[in-house]
Amino acid sequence: MKDAHDSRYISRKHEKNIIFIPTEGNLTTEFQLSDEKKLELIDLGKKNAEKFFKSWCY
């Protein structure tokens, strides 16, 4: 449901300026993450940001 809502309300015009980071399997209210899980999420963010900036042009 979260994905359907995001797809419906992010306009195509603005979609190209957004870095999408898949976070399936992680809860937004999960405040007790292990150090390993934190590093995995940081690495996932870095990889998706690098991919985004390789093709992004303002």
PDB file of N, CA and C in Angstrom:
ATOM      1  N   MET A   1       0.820  -1.191   0.000  1.00  0.00           N
ATOM      2  CA  MET A   1       0.000   0.000   0.000  1.00  0.00           C
ATOM      3  C   MET A   1       0.867   1.259   0.000  1.00  0.00           C
ATOM      4  N   LYS A   2       1.956   1.236   0.761  1.00  0.00           N
ATOM      5  CA  LYS A   2       2.849   2.394   0.800  1.00  0.00           C
ATOM      6  C   LYS A   2       3.353   2.724  -0.595  1.00  0.00           C
ATOM      7  N   ASP A   3       3.756   1.712  -1.343  1.00  0.00           N
ATOM      8  CA  ASP A   3       4.281   1.935  -2.690  1.00  0.00           C
ATOM      9  C   ASP A   3       3.217   2.488  -3.624  1.00  0.00           C
ATOM     10  N   ALA A   4       2.004   1.978  -3.514  1.00  0.00           N
ATOM     11  CA  ALA A   4       0.919   2.474  -4.367  1.00  0.00           C
ATOM     12  C   ALA A   4       0.666   3.944  -4.086  1.00  0.00           C
ATOM     13  N   HIS A   5       0.665   4.322  -2.830  1.00  0.00           N
ATOM     14  CA  HIS A   5       0.445   5.724  -2.458  1.00  0.00           C
ATOM     15  C   HIS A   5       1.563   6.602  -3.008  1.00  0.00           C
ATOM     16  N   ASP A   6       2.797   6.174  -2.856  1.00  0.00           N
ATOM     17  CA  ASP A   6       3.933   6.952  -3.353  1.00  0.00           C
ATOM     18  C   ASP A   6       3.873   7.113  -4.867  1.00  0.00           C
ATOM     19  N   SER A   7       3.576   6.042  -5.573  1.00  0.00           N
ATOM     20  CA  SER A   7       3.517   6.103  -7.033  1.00  0.00           C
ATOM     21  C   SER A   7       2.420   7.039  -7.506  1.00  0.00           C
ATOM     22  N   ARG A   8       1.339   7.072  -6.786  1.00  0.00           N
ATOM     23  CA  ARG A   8       0.203   7.879  -7.192  1.00  0.00           C
ATOM     24  C   ARG A   8       0.436   9.358  -6.923  1.00  0.00           C
ATOM     25  N   TYR A   9       1.153   9.702  -5.884  1.00  0.00           N
ATOM     26  CA  TYR A   9       1.261  11.101  -5.481  1.00  0.00           C
ATOM     27  C   TYR A   9       2.596  11.758  -5.800  1.00  0.00           C
ATOM     28  N   ILE A  10       3.530  11.054  -6.357  1.00  0.00           N
ATOM     29  CA  ILE A  10       4.773  11.668  -6.821  1.00  0.00           C
ATOM     30  C   ILE A  10       4.603  11.913  -8.311  1.00  0.00           C
ATOM     31  N   SER A  11       4.548  13.166  -8.682  1.00  0.00           N
ATOM     32  CA  SER A  11       4.309  13.478 -10.092  1.00  0.00           C
ATOM     33  C   SER A  11       5.509  13.072 -10.937  1.00  0.00           C
ATOM     34  N   ARG A  12       5.244  12.717 -12.158  1.00  0.00           N
ATOM     35  CA  ARG A  12       6.303  12.333 -13.093  1.00  0.00           C
ATOM     36  C   ARG A  12       7.284  13.485 -13.289  1.00  0.00           C
ATOM     37  N   LYS A  13       6.776  14.696 -13.225  1.00  0.00           N
ATOM     38  CA  LYS A  13       7.612  15.884 -13.397  1.00  0.00           C
ATOM     39  C   LYS A  13       8.688  15.962 -12.313  1.00  0.00           C
ATOM     40  N   HIS A  14       8.335  15.596 -11.086  1.00  0.00           N
ATOM     41  CA  HIS A  14       9.269  15.696  -9.965  1.00  0.00           C
ATOM     42  C   HIS A  14      10.013  14.392  -9.680  1.00  0.00           C
ATOM     43  N   GLU A  15       9.527  13.308 -10.229  1.00  0.00           N
ATOM     44  CA  GLU A  15      10.109  11.994  -9.988  1.00  0.00           C
ATOM     45  C   GLU A  15      11.599  11.938 -10.343  1.00  0.00           C
ATOM     46  N   LYS A  16      11.983  12.625 -11.413  1.00  0.00           N
ATOM     47  CA  LYS A  16      13.379  12.592 -11.866  1.00  0.00           C
ATOM     48  C   LYS A  16      14.332  13.292 -10.904  1.00  0.00           C
ATOM     49  N   ASN A  17      13.797  14.061  -9.961  1.00  0.00           N
ATOM     50  CA  ASN A  17      14.624  14.794  -9.006  1.00  0.00           C
ATOM     51  C   ASN A  17      14.610  14.173  -7.616  1.00  0.00           C
ATOM     52  N   ILE A  18      14.156  12.938  -7.514  1.00  0.00           N
ATOM     53  CA  ILE A  18      14.038  12.263  -6.223  1.00  0.00           C
ATOM     54  C   ILE A  18      14.920  11.023  -6.219  1.00  0.00           C
ATOM     55  N   ILE A  19      15.668  10.844  -5.155  1.00  0.00           N
ATOM     56  CA  ILE A  19      16.455   9.627  -4.978  1.00  0.00           C
ATOM     57  C   ILE A  19      15.570   8.631  -4.238  1.00  0.00           C
ATOM     58  N   PHE A  20      15.266   7.513  -4.880  1.00  0.00           N
ATOM     59  CA  PHE A  20      14.451   6.478  -4.260  1.00  0.00           C
ATOM     60  C   PHE A  20      15.376   5.445  -3.628  1.00  0.00           C
ATOM     61  N   ILE A  21      15.140   5.158  -2.351  1.00  0.00           N
ATOM     62  CA  ILE A  21      15.947   4.182  -1.629  1.00  0.00           C
ATOM     63  C   ILE A  21      15.010   3.085  -1.128  1.00  0.00           C
ATOM     64  N   PRO A  22      15.135   1.870  -1.662  1.00  0.00           N
ATOM     65  CA  PRO A  22      14.253   0.790  -1.226  1.00  0.00           C
ATOM     66  C   PRO A  22      14.553   0.391   0.220  1.00  0.00           C
ATOM     67  N   THR A  23      13.531   0.382   1.035  1.00  0.00           N
ATOM     68  CA  THR A  23      13.718   0.061   2.454  1.00  0.00           C
ATOM     69  C   THR A  23      12.824  -1.090   2.890  1.00  0.00           C
ATOM     70  N   GLU A  24      12.423  -1.942   1.970  1.00  0.00           N
ATOM     71  CA  GLU A  24      11.573  -3.070   2.309  1.00  0.00           C
ATOM     72  C   GLU A  24      12.208  -3.882   3.431  1.00  0.00           C
ATOM     73  N   GLY A  25      11.377  -4.326   4.343  1.00  0.00           N
ATOM     74  CA  GLY A  25      11.872  -5.125   5.457  1.00  0.00           C
ATOM     75  C   GLY A  25      12.345  -4.294   6.633  1.00  0.00           C
ATOM     76  N   ASN A  26      12.270  -2.980   6.529  1.00  0.00           N
ATOM     77  CA  ASN A  26      12.666  -2.095   7.621  1.00  0.00           C
ATOM     78  C   ASN A  26      11.468  -1.249   8.030  1.00  0.00           C
ATOM     79  N   LEU A  27      11.248  -1.168   9.313  1.00  0.00           N
ATOM     80  CA  LEU A  27      10.139  -0.374   9.823  1.00  0.00           C
ATOM     81  C   LEU A  27      10.606   1.045  10.131  1.00  0.00           C
ATOM     82  N   THR A  28       9.758   2.017   9.871  1.00  0.00           N
ATOM     83  CA  THR A  28      10.116   3.408  10.176  1.00  0.00           C
ATOM     84  C   THR A  28      10.139   3.651  11.676  1.00  0.00           C
ATOM     85  N   THR A  29       9.547   2.752  12.445  1.00  0.00           N
ATOM     86  CA  THR A  29       9.520   2.897  13.907  1.00  0.00           C
ATOM     87  C   THR A  29      10.505   1.957  14.592  1.00  0.00           C
ATOM     88  N   GLU A  30      11.413   1.393  13.839  1.00  0.00           N
ATOM     89  CA  GLU A  30      12.414   0.478  14.393  1.00  0.00           C
ATOM     90  C   GLU A  30      13.619   1.297  14.870  1.00  0.00           C
ATOM     91  N   PHE A  31      13.584   1.677  16.149  1.00  0.00           N
ATOM     92  CA  PHE A  31      14.597   2.580  16.690  1.00  0.00           C
ATOM     93  C   PHE A  31      15.807   1.856  17.275  1.00  0.00           C
ATOM     94  N   GLN A  32      15.742   0.563  17.413  1.00  0.00           N
ATOM     95  CA  GLN A  32      16.840  -0.198  18.004  1.00  0.00           C
ATOM     96  C   GLN A  32      17.576  -1.009  16.939  1.00  0.00           C
ATOM     97  N   LEU A  33      18.066  -0.335  15.919  1.00  0.00           N
ATOM     98  CA  LEU A  33      18.789  -1.023  14.847  1.00  0.00           C
ATOM     99  C   LEU A  33      20.188  -1.414  15.312  1.00  0.00           C
ATOM    100  N   SER A  34      20.627  -2.572  14.875  1.00  0.00           N
ATOM    101  CA  SER A  34      21.999  -2.981  15.173  1.00  0.00           C
ATOM    102  C   SER A  34      22.953  -2.121  14.344  1.00  0.00           C
ATOM    103  N   ASP A  35      24.196  -2.071  14.763  1.00  0.00           N
ATOM    104  CA  ASP A  35      25.195  -1.312  14.003  1.00  0.00           C
ATOM    105  C   ASP A  35      25.320  -1.862  12.583  1.00  0.00           C
ATOM    106  N   GLU A  36      25.219  -3.179  12.445  1.00  0.00           N
ATOM    107  CA  GLU A  36      25.308  -3.805  11.126  1.00  0.00           C
ATOM    108  C   GLU A  36      24.151  -3.346  10.231  1.00  0.00           C
ATOM    109  N   LYS A  37      22.937  -3.312  10.775  1.00  0.00           N
ATOM    110  CA  LYS A  37      21.768  -2.888  10.003  1.00  0.00           C
ATOM    111  C   LYS A  37      21.882  -1.411   9.628  1.00  0.00           C
ATOM    112  N   LYS A  38      22.388  -0.588  10.536  1.00  0.00           N
ATOM    113  CA  LYS A  38      22.587   0.837  10.238  1.00  0.00           C
ATOM    114  C   LYS A  38      23.550   1.007   9.067  1.00  0.00           C
ATOM    115  N   LEU A  39      24.643   0.262   9.100  1.00  0.00           N
ATOM    116  CA  LEU A  39      25.632   0.351   8.023  1.00  0.00           C
ATOM    117  C   LEU A  39      25.063  -0.137   6.693  1.00  0.00           C
ATOM    118  N   GLU A  40      24.217  -1.173   6.737  1.00  0.00           N
ATOM    119  CA  GLU A  40      23.571  -1.664   5.513  1.00  0.00           C
ATOM    120  C   GLU A  40      22.689  -0.577   4.902  1.00  0.00           C
ATOM    121  N   LEU A  41      21.920   0.114   5.742  1.00  0.00           N
ATOM    122  CA  LEU A  41      21.036   1.172   5.249  1.00  0.00           C
ATOM    123  C   LEU A  41      21.830   2.362   4.709  1.00  0.00           C
ATOM    124  N   ILE A  42      22.908   2.706   5.385  1.00  0.00           N
ATOM    125  CA  ILE A  42      23.766   3.797   4.914  1.00  0.00           C
ATOM    126  C   ILE A  42      24.364   3.436   3.558  1.00  0.00           C
ATOM    127  N   ASP A  43      24.849   2.201   3.430  1.00  0.00           N
ATOM    128  CA  ASP A  43      25.436   1.748   2.163  1.00  0.00           C
ATOM    129  C   ASP A  43      24.393   1.742   1.047  1.00  0.00           C
ATOM    130  N   LEU A  44      23.189   1.315   1.364  1.00  0.00           N
ATOM    131  CA  LEU A  44      22.100   1.319   0.386  1.00  0.00           C
ATOM    132  C   LEU A  44      21.807   2.743  -0.080  1.00  0.00           C
ATOM    133  N   GLY A  45      21.803   3.679   0.852  1.00  0.00           N
ATOM    134  CA  GLY A  45      21.590   5.081   0.499  1.00  0.00           C
ATOM    135  C   GLY A  45      22.702   5.622  -0.381  1.00  0.00           C
ATOM    136  N   LYS A  46      23.936   5.297  -0.043  1.00  0.00           N
ATOM    137  CA  LYS A  46      25.080   5.756  -0.842  1.00  0.00           C
ATOM    138  C   LYS A  46      25.017   5.217  -2.267  1.00  0.00           C
ATOM    139  N   LYS A  47      24.734   3.922  -2.394  1.00  0.00           N
ATOM    140  CA  LYS A  47      24.682   3.299  -3.722  1.00  0.00           C
ATOM    141  C   LYS A  47      23.584   3.912  -4.582  1.00  0.00           C
ATOM    142  N   ASN A  48      22.417   4.139  -3.997  1.00  0.00           N
ATOM    143  CA  ASN A  48      21.320   4.721  -4.766  1.00  0.00           C
ATOM    144  C   ASN A  48      21.581   6.185  -5.087  1.00  0.00           C
ATOM    145  N   ALA A  49      22.241   6.906  -4.199  1.00  0.00           N
ATOM    146  CA  ALA A  49      22.590   8.302  -4.477  1.00  0.00           C
ATOM    147  C   ALA A  49      23.607   8.377  -5.617  1.00  0.00           C
ATOM    148  N   GLU A  50      24.610   7.508  -5.591  1.00  0.00           N
ATOM    149  CA  GLU A  50      25.607   7.489  -6.667  1.00  0.00           C
ATOM    150  C   GLU A  50      24.951   7.176  -8.010  1.00  0.00           C
ATOM    151  N   LYS A  51      24.059   6.194  -8.020  1.00  0.00           N
ATOM    152  CA  LYS A  51      23.341   5.830  -9.248  1.00  0.00           C
ATOM    153  C   LYS A  51      22.522   7.016  -9.752  1.00  0.00           C
ATOM    154  N   PHE A  52      21.855   7.704  -8.844  1.00  0.00           N
ATOM    155  CA  PHE A  52      21.025   8.856  -9.196  1.00  0.00           C
ATOM    156  C   PHE A  52      21.872   9.973  -9.807  1.00  0.00           C
ATOM    157  N   PHE A  53      22.979  10.314  -9.157  1.00  0.00           N
ATOM    158  CA  PHE A  53      23.795  11.438  -9.617  1.00  0.00           C
ATOM    159  C   PHE A  53      24.542  11.157 -10.923  1.00  0.00           C
ATOM    160  N   LYS A  54      24.708   9.893 -11.284  1.00  0.00           N
ATOM    161  CA  LYS A  54      25.341   9.569 -12.570  1.00  0.00           C
ATOM    162  C   LYS A  54      24.466   9.967 -13.749  1.00  0.00           C
ATOM    163  N   SER A  55      23.159   9.968 -13.543  1.00  0.00           N
ATOM    164  CA  SER A  55      22.265  10.273 -14.666  1.00  0.00           C
ATOM    165  C   SER A  55      21.456  11.554 -14.468  1.00  0.00           C
ATOM    166  N   TRP A  56      21.548  12.177 -13.324  1.00  0.00           N
ATOM    167  CA  TRP A  56      20.732  13.359 -13.019  1.00  0.00           C
ATOM    168  C   TRP A  56      21.316  14.606 -13.648  1.00  0.00           C
ATOM    169  N   CYS A  57      20.469  15.406 -14.249  1.00  0.00           N
ATOM    170  CA  CYS A  57      20.918  16.711 -14.714  1.00  0.00           C
ATOM    171  C   CYS A  57      19.816  17.719 -14.401  1.00  0.00           C
ATOM    172  N   TYR A  58      20.192  18.765 -13.785  1.00  0.00           N
ATOM    173  CA  TYR A  58      19.253  19.763 -13.295  1.00  0.00           C
ATOM    174  C   TYR A  58      18.800  20.675 -14.390  1.00  0.00           C
TER     175      TYR A  58
END
